[in-house]
Protein backbone atom coordinates (compact mmCIF):
# COMPACT_ATOMS: atom_id res chain seq x y z
CA MET A 1 125.20 125.69 104.10
CA SER A 2 127.29 123.03 101.79
CA ARG A 3 129.52 125.37 98.97
CA PHE A 4 128.42 125.90 95.91
CA LYS A 5 130.24 123.91 93.07
CA LEU A 6 129.67 123.27 89.38
CA GLU A 7 130.01 119.62 87.37
CA VAL A 8 131.09 120.08 84.10
CA GLY A 9 127.97 118.51 82.31
CA ASP A 10 125.45 120.81 84.81
CA VAL A 11 123.57 122.77 82.40
CA PHE A 12 121.27 126.04 83.14
CA SER A 13 119.44 128.66 82.37
CA VAL A 14 121.06 132.45 81.08
CA PRO A 15 117.98 135.18 80.89
CA ILE A 16 117.22 136.92 77.59
CA ASP A 17 114.37 139.22 78.48
CA ASP A 18 111.33 138.85 81.37
CA SER A 19 109.81 136.29 79.00
CA ARG A 20 112.42 133.90 77.80
CA VAL A 21 116.01 132.10 78.96
CA GLY A 22 118.37 130.33 76.88
CA VAL A 23 119.94 127.25 77.87
CA GLY A 24 123.90 126.53 78.28
CA GLN A 25 126.39 123.87 79.75
CA VAL A 26 129.09 123.57 81.42
CA VAL A 27 131.90 121.67 79.00
CA ALA A 28 134.61 121.59 80.48
CA ALA A 29 136.89 122.62 83.22
CA TYR A 30 140.65 124.92 83.49
CA GLY A 31 142.21 124.64 86.48
CA LYS A 32 139.94 124.65 89.85
CA SER A 33 138.26 128.12 89.14
CA ALA A 34 137.45 128.70 85.50
CA GLU A 35 134.69 126.72 83.11
CA TYR A 36 134.15 126.36 79.76
CA PHE A 37 130.52 127.37 78.97
CA ALA A 38 128.23 125.97 76.02
CA ILE A 39 125.49 128.72 74.85
CA PHE A 40 122.72 126.54 72.51
CA ASP A 41 120.79 128.38 69.85
CA ALA A 42 117.51 126.89 72.53
CA VAL A 43 115.15 129.27 74.05
CA ALA A 44 112.71 128.48 76.99
CA PRO A 45 109.47 130.47 78.46
CA ASP A 46 111.66 129.85 82.20
CA PRO A 47 113.78 127.56 83.92
CA ALA A 48 111.64 124.92 85.06
CA SER A 49 110.36 124.89 80.79
CA ILE A 50 113.95 124.05 79.83
CA ASP A 51 113.39 120.46 77.50
CA ILE A 52 117.51 119.48 78.47
CA ASP A 53 117.75 116.88 76.04
CA GLN A 54 115.97 118.65 73.19
CA ALA A 55 118.08 122.09 73.87
CA LEU A 56 121.24 120.03 74.10
CA ARG A 57 120.44 118.99 70.45
CA ALA A 58 120.55 122.75 69.23
CA ARG A 59 123.91 124.13 67.67
CA VAL A 60 126.61 126.13 69.81
CA ILE A 61 126.40 129.39 69.25
CA PHE A 62 128.84 131.15 72.29
CA LEU A 63 131.66 128.88 73.63
CA ALA A 64 133.93 130.95 76.14
CA LEU A 65 136.08 130.61 79.12
CA SER A 66 134.68 132.00 81.94
CA ASN A 67 133.32 131.80 86.10
CA ASP A 68 131.11 130.60 87.55
CA ALA A 69 129.63 134.09 89.25
CA LYS A 70 126.69 134.56 87.65
CA LEU A 71 125.63 130.44 88.58
CA TYR A 72 127.02 131.47 92.30
CA ALA A 73 124.62 134.56 92.24
CA ARG A 74 121.75 132.39 91.11
CA HIS A 75 121.21 134.93 88.16
CA TRP A 76 122.15 132.31 85.99
CA ILE A 77 119.75 129.07 87.35
CA VAL A 78 121.13 125.04 86.91
CA VAL A 79 118.65 122.96 85.92
CA GLY A 80 120.01 119.70 85.58
CA ASN A 81 123.33 117.73 84.11
CA ARG A 82 123.91 115.82 81.36
CA PRO A 83 127.11 114.31 79.71
CA VAL A 84 128.42 116.92 77.48
CA ALA A 85 128.92 115.65 73.73
CA GLU A 86 131.64 113.85 72.08
CA ASP A 87 131.91 116.40 69.26
CA MET A 88 132.08 119.58 71.67
CA PRO A 89 134.14 121.39 69.61
CA LEU A 90 136.46 122.64 72.79
CA PRO A 91 139.10 125.08 71.59
CA ALA A 92 142.70 124.69 71.36
CA TRP A 93 144.89 127.61 72.04
CA ARG A 94 148.14 129.38 70.98
CA GLU A 95 151.37 130.12 74.21
CA VAL A 96 154.21 132.32 72.72
CA PHE A 97 157.49 131.81 75.06
CA SER A 98 158.91 135.10 73.39
CA ILE A 99 162.87 134.82 75.38
CA GLU A 100 162.97 131.28 73.76
CA GLY A 101 161.39 131.75 70.55
CA ARG A 102 158.68 129.41 70.74
CA VAL A 103 154.91 129.07 69.85
CA ASP A 104 152.97 125.87 71.02
CA VAL A 105 149.41 124.62 69.86
CA VAL A 106 148.01 124.27 74.35
CA ASP A 107 144.81 122.02 74.39
CA TYR A 108 141.26 123.28 76.45
CA SER A 109 142.69 122.65 79.44
CA GLY A 110 146.39 123.63 79.42
CA THR A 111 147.75 119.92 80.38
CA ARG A 112 148.95 119.10 76.55
CA ARG A 113 151.01 120.98 74.33
CA ARG A 114 153.18 120.98 71.11
CA SER A 115 155.12 122.89 69.11
CA ALA A 116 153.29 125.18 66.67
CA HIS A 117 153.57 125.10 62.86
CA GLU A 118 153.90 128.62 61.48
CA SER A 119 150.24 128.60 59.77
CA GLU A 120 149.05 127.97 63.46
CA ALA A 121 150.76 130.15 65.20
CA GLU A 122 148.49 133.06 63.00
CA LEU A 123 145.80 130.92 62.62
CA LEU A 124 145.10 130.38 66.83
CA ALA A 125 144.04 132.78 69.26
CA ASP A 126 145.78 133.80 72.84
CA ARG A 127 143.58 132.38 76.24
CA LYS A 128 141.56 134.20 76.98
CA PHE A 129 138.71 134.61 79.83
CA VAL A 130 135.63 135.89 79.16
CA ALA A 131 132.58 137.46 81.94
CA PRO A 132 129.76 135.77 82.17
CA MET A 133 127.72 138.92 81.58
CA LEU A 134 129.42 139.32 78.27
CA LEU A 135 127.99 136.00 77.61
CA GLU A 136 124.91 137.15 78.19
CA ASP A 137 124.65 140.06 76.07
CA ALA A 138 125.85 138.36 73.57
CA LEU A 139 123.59 136.15 73.54
CA ARG A 140 120.87 139.14 74.48
CA ALA A 141 122.71 140.72 70.92
CA LYS A 142 121.98 137.40 69.12
CA HIS A 143 118.39 137.93 69.59
CA GLY A 144 118.12 141.95 68.88
CA LEU A 145 117.60 143.38 72.57
CA GLU A 146 121.27 145.02 72.44
CA PRO A 147 123.78 145.78 69.40
CA TRP A 148 125.61 143.15 68.17
CA ARG A 149 129.50 143.74 68.54
CA GLU A 150 132.47 142.08 67.01
CA TYR A 151 134.12 140.56 69.54
CA TYR A 152 131.13 138.50 70.13
CA SER A 153 132.38 137.06 67.18
CA ASP A 154 135.27 135.38 68.87
CA MET A 155 132.81 133.66 70.84
CA ALA A 156 131.34 131.58 68.52
CA PRO A 157 132.82 127.97 68.02
CA ASN A 158 135.61 127.54 65.53
CA GLU A 159 135.71 124.35 63.86
CA MET A 160 139.42 124.94 62.36
CA THR A 161 141.12 125.29 66.05
CA THR A 162 139.79 122.70 68.19
CA THR A 163 141.61 120.59 70.78
CA ALA A 164 139.84 117.50 68.65
CA ARG A 165 141.56 118.75 64.96
CA LEU A 166 144.96 119.66 66.79
CA LEU A 167 146.11 117.69 69.57
CA GLY A 168 143.63 114.47 68.58
CA VAL A 169 141.85 115.18 72.25
CA SER A 170 137.71 115.03 72.50
CA SER A 171 135.93 116.50 75.34
CA ALA A 172 134.52 112.85 76.14
CA GLU A 173 138.25 111.75 77.00
CA PRO A 174 139.47 112.73 80.16
CA VAL A 175 141.46 115.38 81.27
CA GLN A 176 144.23 112.76 83.15
CA ALA A 177 144.39 110.76 79.66
CA ALA A 178 146.40 113.23 77.88
CA THR A 179 149.79 113.60 78.09
CA THR A 180 152.34 115.97 77.02
CA SER A 181 153.24 115.28 73.44
CA GLY A 182 155.66 116.49 70.53
CA ASP A 183 153.45 115.08 67.97
CA ALA A 184 150.56 116.15 66.08
CA PRO A 185 148.00 113.42 66.32
CA ASP A 186 147.90 110.76 62.99
CA ASP A 187 144.96 112.17 60.98
CA TYR A 188 146.12 115.50 61.10
CA ASP A 189 149.15 116.39 58.31
CA PRO A 190 149.75 120.18 57.82
CA ASP A 191 151.81 121.35 54.52
CA SER A 192 154.47 122.61 56.67
CA GLU A 193 154.94 118.84 58.34
CA GLN A 194 158.52 116.97 57.82
CA SER A 195 159.90 113.39 58.10
CA VAL A 196 163.96 113.56 59.43
CA PHE A 197 165.84 110.53 59.80
CA VAL A 198 169.22 110.27 61.98
CA TYR A 199 171.23 107.87 61.39
CA PHE A 200 173.19 105.99 64.59
CA THR A 201 176.75 104.58 63.47
CA LEU A 202 176.87 101.45 66.15
CA GLU A 203 180.43 100.88 67.66
CA GLY A 204 181.96 99.35 70.36
CA GLY A 205 179.27 96.65 70.56
CA GLY A 206 176.35 98.39 69.95
CA PHE A 207 172.56 97.45 69.76
CA GLY A 208 170.46 98.00 66.51
CA THR A 209 170.43 97.40 62.82
CA ASN A 210 173.61 98.95 60.84
CA GLY A 211 171.87 101.48 58.43
CA MET A 212 168.77 101.12 59.95
CA PRO A 213 166.84 105.13 60.17
CA SER A 214 165.01 106.48 63.28
CA SER A 215 162.41 108.43 62.23
CA ARG A 216 160.96 110.95 64.59
CA ARG A 217 158.18 113.94 63.78
CA LYS A 218 159.15 117.45 63.48
């Protein structure tokens, strides 16, 4: 028997009740043991009836870092595989280093980071894992089958705190291409950002041009 393995792009059904299923997709991986699941605003009578391409054009109502337990147990059924949308709002996270007194913005995969500005440190959430059962409960609550709980709202995608916006990496870009950087993307310009000019004195046959500033981002 082959080992169960999910692939990024796998599309799957999520049961809502006895006559309806929702539609989800594996939209990214985190390490070797966790995945990001997107749940779309789409419904079908059963897994075999899902129109995959149409379902993936619906809006994303939940997006969370989770695990494959429900898929491994076949409570959720993989029905196909499609490329992940380039504009998938994969989150960026906050990582706090209390000893160093530093807060970083970290991409969805955990491989790219930079120092957070004060406003970002307040806006971003810490990375959290969501049990797949909670995603299923949230979907049922969205359809009025269970009470709505406030923490379900935390699983809705937030366009203000995406990796693409804060670190310039889209869901279509391979994780390997995202290198560690201390800079924000060129099109991101928070109010707190400033330029610092550093001047070097040339002595003893040093190289360069006198009086030419070297700039860096802070």
